[in-house]
């Protein structure tokens, strides 16, 4: 599943450079403990959702990181 820049910016979820410990949808399918917590931008410029549990919420300096629409 890929998504356009408007949807990514409107989601107010961070755009990450690396996947880290988060998972793609096909890795968590059917497991209700996961929800989307971020996006990752591929080298081709497409965006893919990343999923994690509540413990995986992406925060920097105690604050939720919101994507900058200009940076997308």
N, C-alpha and C. Protein backbone atom coordinates (compact mmCIF):
# COMPACT_ATOMS: atom_id res chain seq x y z
N UNK A 1 0.84 -1.18 0.00
CA UNK A 1 0.00 0.00 0.00
C UNK A 1 0.88 1.24 0.00
N UNK A 2 0.72 2.10 -0.96
CA UNK A 2 1.44 3.36 -1.00
C UNK A 2 0.44 4.50 -0.86
N UNK A 3 0.92 5.65 -0.46
CA UNK A 3 0.05 6.77 -0.16
C UNK A 3 0.66 8.06 -0.67
N UNK A 4 -0.20 9.04 -1.00
CA UNK A 4 0.31 10.31 -1.51
C UNK A 4 0.71 11.25 -0.36
N UNK A 5 1.40 12.35 -0.72
CA UNK A 5 1.93 13.29 0.27
C UNK A 5 0.84 13.94 1.11
N UNK A 6 -0.29 14.23 0.52
CA UNK A 6 -1.38 14.88 1.24
C UNK A 6 -1.89 14.01 2.38
N UNK A 7 -2.06 12.73 2.11
CA UNK A 7 -2.53 11.80 3.13
C UNK A 7 -1.51 11.67 4.24
N UNK A 8 -0.23 11.60 3.88
CA UNK A 8 0.83 11.48 4.89
C UNK A 8 0.86 12.71 5.77
N UNK A 9 0.83 13.89 5.19
CA UNK A 9 0.86 15.13 5.97
C UNK A 9 -0.38 15.24 6.85
N UNK A 10 -1.53 14.87 6.33
CA UNK A 10 -2.78 14.95 7.07
C UNK A 10 -2.87 13.97 8.22
N UNK A 11 -2.10 12.89 8.15
CA UNK A 11 -2.14 11.89 9.21
C UNK A 11 -1.46 12.36 10.49
N UNK A 12 -0.58 13.35 10.38
CA UNK A 12 0.18 13.90 11.50
C UNK A 12 1.06 12.85 12.18
N UNK A 13 1.42 11.81 11.44
CA UNK A 13 2.36 10.81 11.94
C UNK A 13 3.74 11.13 11.38
N UNK A 14 4.80 10.77 12.10
CA UNK A 14 6.15 11.08 11.62
C UNK A 14 6.52 10.27 10.39
N UNK A 15 7.40 10.85 9.58
CA UNK A 15 7.99 10.15 8.43
C UNK A 15 9.41 9.79 8.84
N UNK A 16 9.71 8.50 8.88
CA UNK A 16 11.01 8.03 9.35
C UNK A 16 11.92 7.67 8.19
N UNK A 17 13.21 7.72 8.46
CA UNK A 17 14.20 7.34 7.45
C UNK A 17 14.48 5.85 7.46
N UNK A 18 14.31 5.21 8.62
CA UNK A 18 14.54 3.77 8.74
C UNK A 18 13.35 3.11 9.42
N UNK A 19 13.17 1.85 9.16
CA UNK A 19 12.05 1.08 9.69
C UNK A 19 12.23 0.78 11.18
N UNK A 20 13.45 0.64 11.63
CA UNK A 20 13.77 0.30 13.02
C UNK A 20 13.04 -0.98 13.42
N UNK A 21 12.37 -0.97 14.58
CA UNK A 21 11.66 -2.16 15.07
C UNK A 21 10.19 -2.18 14.64
N UNK A 22 9.77 -1.20 13.85
CA UNK A 22 8.39 -1.16 13.41
C UNK A 22 8.17 -2.17 12.29
N UNK A 23 6.91 -2.41 11.94
CA UNK A 23 6.60 -3.47 10.99
C UNK A 23 5.72 -2.95 9.86
N UNK A 24 5.81 -3.63 8.71
CA UNK A 24 4.93 -3.35 7.58
C UNK A 24 3.61 -4.10 7.80
N UNK A 25 2.57 -3.68 7.08
CA UNK A 25 1.25 -4.28 7.23
C UNK A 25 1.27 -5.79 7.05
N UNK A 26 1.99 -6.28 6.07
CA UNK A 26 2.00 -7.73 5.83
C UNK A 26 2.68 -8.51 6.96
N UNK A 27 3.42 -7.82 7.82
CA UNK A 27 4.08 -8.47 8.95
C UNK A 27 3.17 -8.54 10.19
N UNK A 28 2.11 -7.73 10.22
CA UNK A 28 1.24 -7.69 11.40
C UNK A 28 -0.20 -8.06 11.08
N UNK A 29 -0.49 -8.43 9.87
CA UNK A 29 -1.86 -8.75 9.46
C UNK A 29 -2.52 -9.73 10.41
N UNK A 30 -3.73 -9.39 10.88
CA UNK A 30 -4.48 -10.26 11.76
C UNK A 30 -4.13 -10.16 13.23
N UNK A 31 -3.16 -9.33 13.58
CA UNK A 31 -2.77 -9.17 14.98
C UNK A 31 -3.33 -7.83 15.48
N UNK A 32 -4.36 -7.87 16.28
CA UNK A 32 -5.06 -6.67 16.71
C UNK A 32 -4.28 -5.74 17.62
N UNK A 33 -3.11 -6.14 18.09
CA UNK A 33 -2.34 -5.31 19.01
C UNK A 33 -1.58 -4.20 18.29
N UNK A 34 -1.60 -4.18 16.97
CA UNK A 34 -0.81 -3.21 16.22
C UNK A 34 -1.69 -2.13 15.61
N UNK A 35 -1.11 -0.92 15.51
CA UNK A 35 -1.77 0.18 14.81
C UNK A 35 -0.69 1.02 14.12
N UNK A 36 -1.10 1.83 13.16
CA UNK A 36 -0.12 2.63 12.44
C UNK A 36 0.45 3.70 13.35
N UNK A 37 1.78 3.80 13.37
CA UNK A 37 2.44 4.79 14.23
C UNK A 37 3.37 5.72 13.46
N UNK A 38 3.65 5.42 12.19
CA UNK A 38 4.57 6.25 11.41
C UNK A 38 4.46 5.89 9.93
N UNK A 39 5.25 6.61 9.13
CA UNK A 39 5.41 6.34 7.70
C UNK A 39 6.90 6.17 7.42
N UNK A 40 7.21 5.51 6.33
CA UNK A 40 8.58 5.47 5.83
C UNK A 40 8.54 5.85 4.36
N UNK A 41 9.49 6.67 3.94
CA UNK A 41 9.58 7.11 2.56
C UNK A 41 10.64 6.27 1.85
N UNK A 42 10.24 5.64 0.78
CA UNK A 42 11.18 4.78 0.04
C UNK A 42 12.10 5.64 -0.83
N UNK A 43 13.10 5.01 -1.39
CA UNK A 43 14.04 5.72 -2.26
C UNK A 43 13.37 6.19 -3.55
N UNK A 44 12.21 5.63 -3.88
CA UNK A 44 11.48 6.05 -5.07
C UNK A 44 10.50 7.18 -4.77
N UNK A 45 10.41 7.60 -3.51
CA UNK A 45 9.54 8.70 -3.12
C UNK A 45 8.15 8.30 -2.70
N UNK A 46 7.87 7.01 -2.65
CA UNK A 46 6.55 6.56 -2.20
C UNK A 46 6.57 6.35 -0.69
N UNK A 47 5.41 6.45 -0.07
CA UNK A 47 5.28 6.33 1.38
C UNK A 47 4.57 5.03 1.73
N UNK A 48 5.06 4.37 2.78
CA UNK A 48 4.47 3.13 3.26
C UNK A 48 4.19 3.27 4.76
N UNK A 49 3.03 2.80 5.23
CA UNK A 49 2.72 2.88 6.66
C UNK A 49 3.54 1.89 7.47
N UNK A 50 3.91 2.29 8.68
CA UNK A 50 4.61 1.42 9.62
C UNK A 50 3.72 1.21 10.84
N UNK A 51 3.75 0.01 11.37
CA UNK A 51 2.87 -0.37 12.47
C UNK A 51 3.66 -0.77 13.70
N UNK A 52 3.08 -0.50 14.85
CA UNK A 52 3.68 -0.89 16.12
C UNK A 52 2.59 -1.00 17.17
N UNK A 53 3.00 -1.41 18.36
CA UNK A 53 2.05 -1.47 19.48
C UNK A 53 2.07 -0.11 20.17
N UNK A 54 1.23 0.06 21.18
CA UNK A 54 1.21 1.34 21.89
C UNK A 54 2.57 1.71 22.47
N UNK A 55 3.39 0.71 22.77
CA UNK A 55 4.73 0.97 23.30
C UNK A 55 5.67 1.52 22.23
N UNK A 56 5.29 1.41 20.95
CA UNK A 56 6.14 1.83 19.85
C UNK A 56 5.80 3.21 19.31
N UNK A 57 4.95 3.97 20.01
CA UNK A 57 4.62 5.30 19.53
C UNK A 57 5.90 6.10 19.36
N UNK A 58 6.03 6.77 18.25
CA UNK A 58 7.27 7.48 17.92
C UNK A 58 7.27 8.84 18.60
N UNK A 59 8.21 9.04 19.50
CA UNK A 59 8.32 10.31 20.21
C UNK A 59 9.78 10.75 20.24
N UNK A 60 9.99 12.02 20.09
CA UNK A 60 11.31 12.61 20.19
C UNK A 60 11.27 13.68 21.26
N UNK A 61 12.17 13.64 22.21
CA UNK A 61 12.22 14.62 23.31
C UNK A 61 10.90 14.70 24.06
N UNK A 62 10.21 13.57 24.21
CA UNK A 62 8.97 13.54 24.95
C UNK A 62 7.78 14.11 24.19
N UNK A 63 7.98 14.55 22.96
CA UNK A 63 6.91 15.12 22.16
C UNK A 63 6.67 14.25 20.93
N UNK A 64 5.43 14.19 20.49
CA UNK A 64 5.14 13.46 19.27
C UNK A 64 5.72 14.25 18.10
N UNK A 65 6.40 13.58 17.22
CA UNK A 65 7.00 14.21 16.05
C UNK A 65 5.97 14.25 14.91
N UNK A 66 5.66 15.44 14.44
CA UNK A 66 4.72 15.59 13.33
C UNK A 66 5.49 15.88 12.06
N UNK A 67 5.08 15.30 10.95
CA UNK A 67 5.80 15.56 9.70
C UNK A 67 5.60 17.00 9.26
N UNK A 68 6.63 17.57 8.70
CA UNK A 68 6.57 18.92 8.15
C UNK A 68 6.12 18.79 6.70
N UNK A 69 4.99 19.37 6.37
CA UNK A 69 4.44 19.24 5.03
C UNK A 69 5.44 19.72 3.97
N UNK A 70 6.21 20.73 4.28
CA UNK A 70 7.21 21.24 3.34
C UNK A 70 8.29 20.21 3.05
N UNK A 71 8.61 19.38 4.04
CA UNK A 71 9.68 18.39 3.87
C UNK A 71 9.24 17.18 3.06
N UNK A 72 7.95 16.97 2.89
CA UNK A 72 7.46 15.83 2.15
C UNK A 72 7.72 16.07 0.69
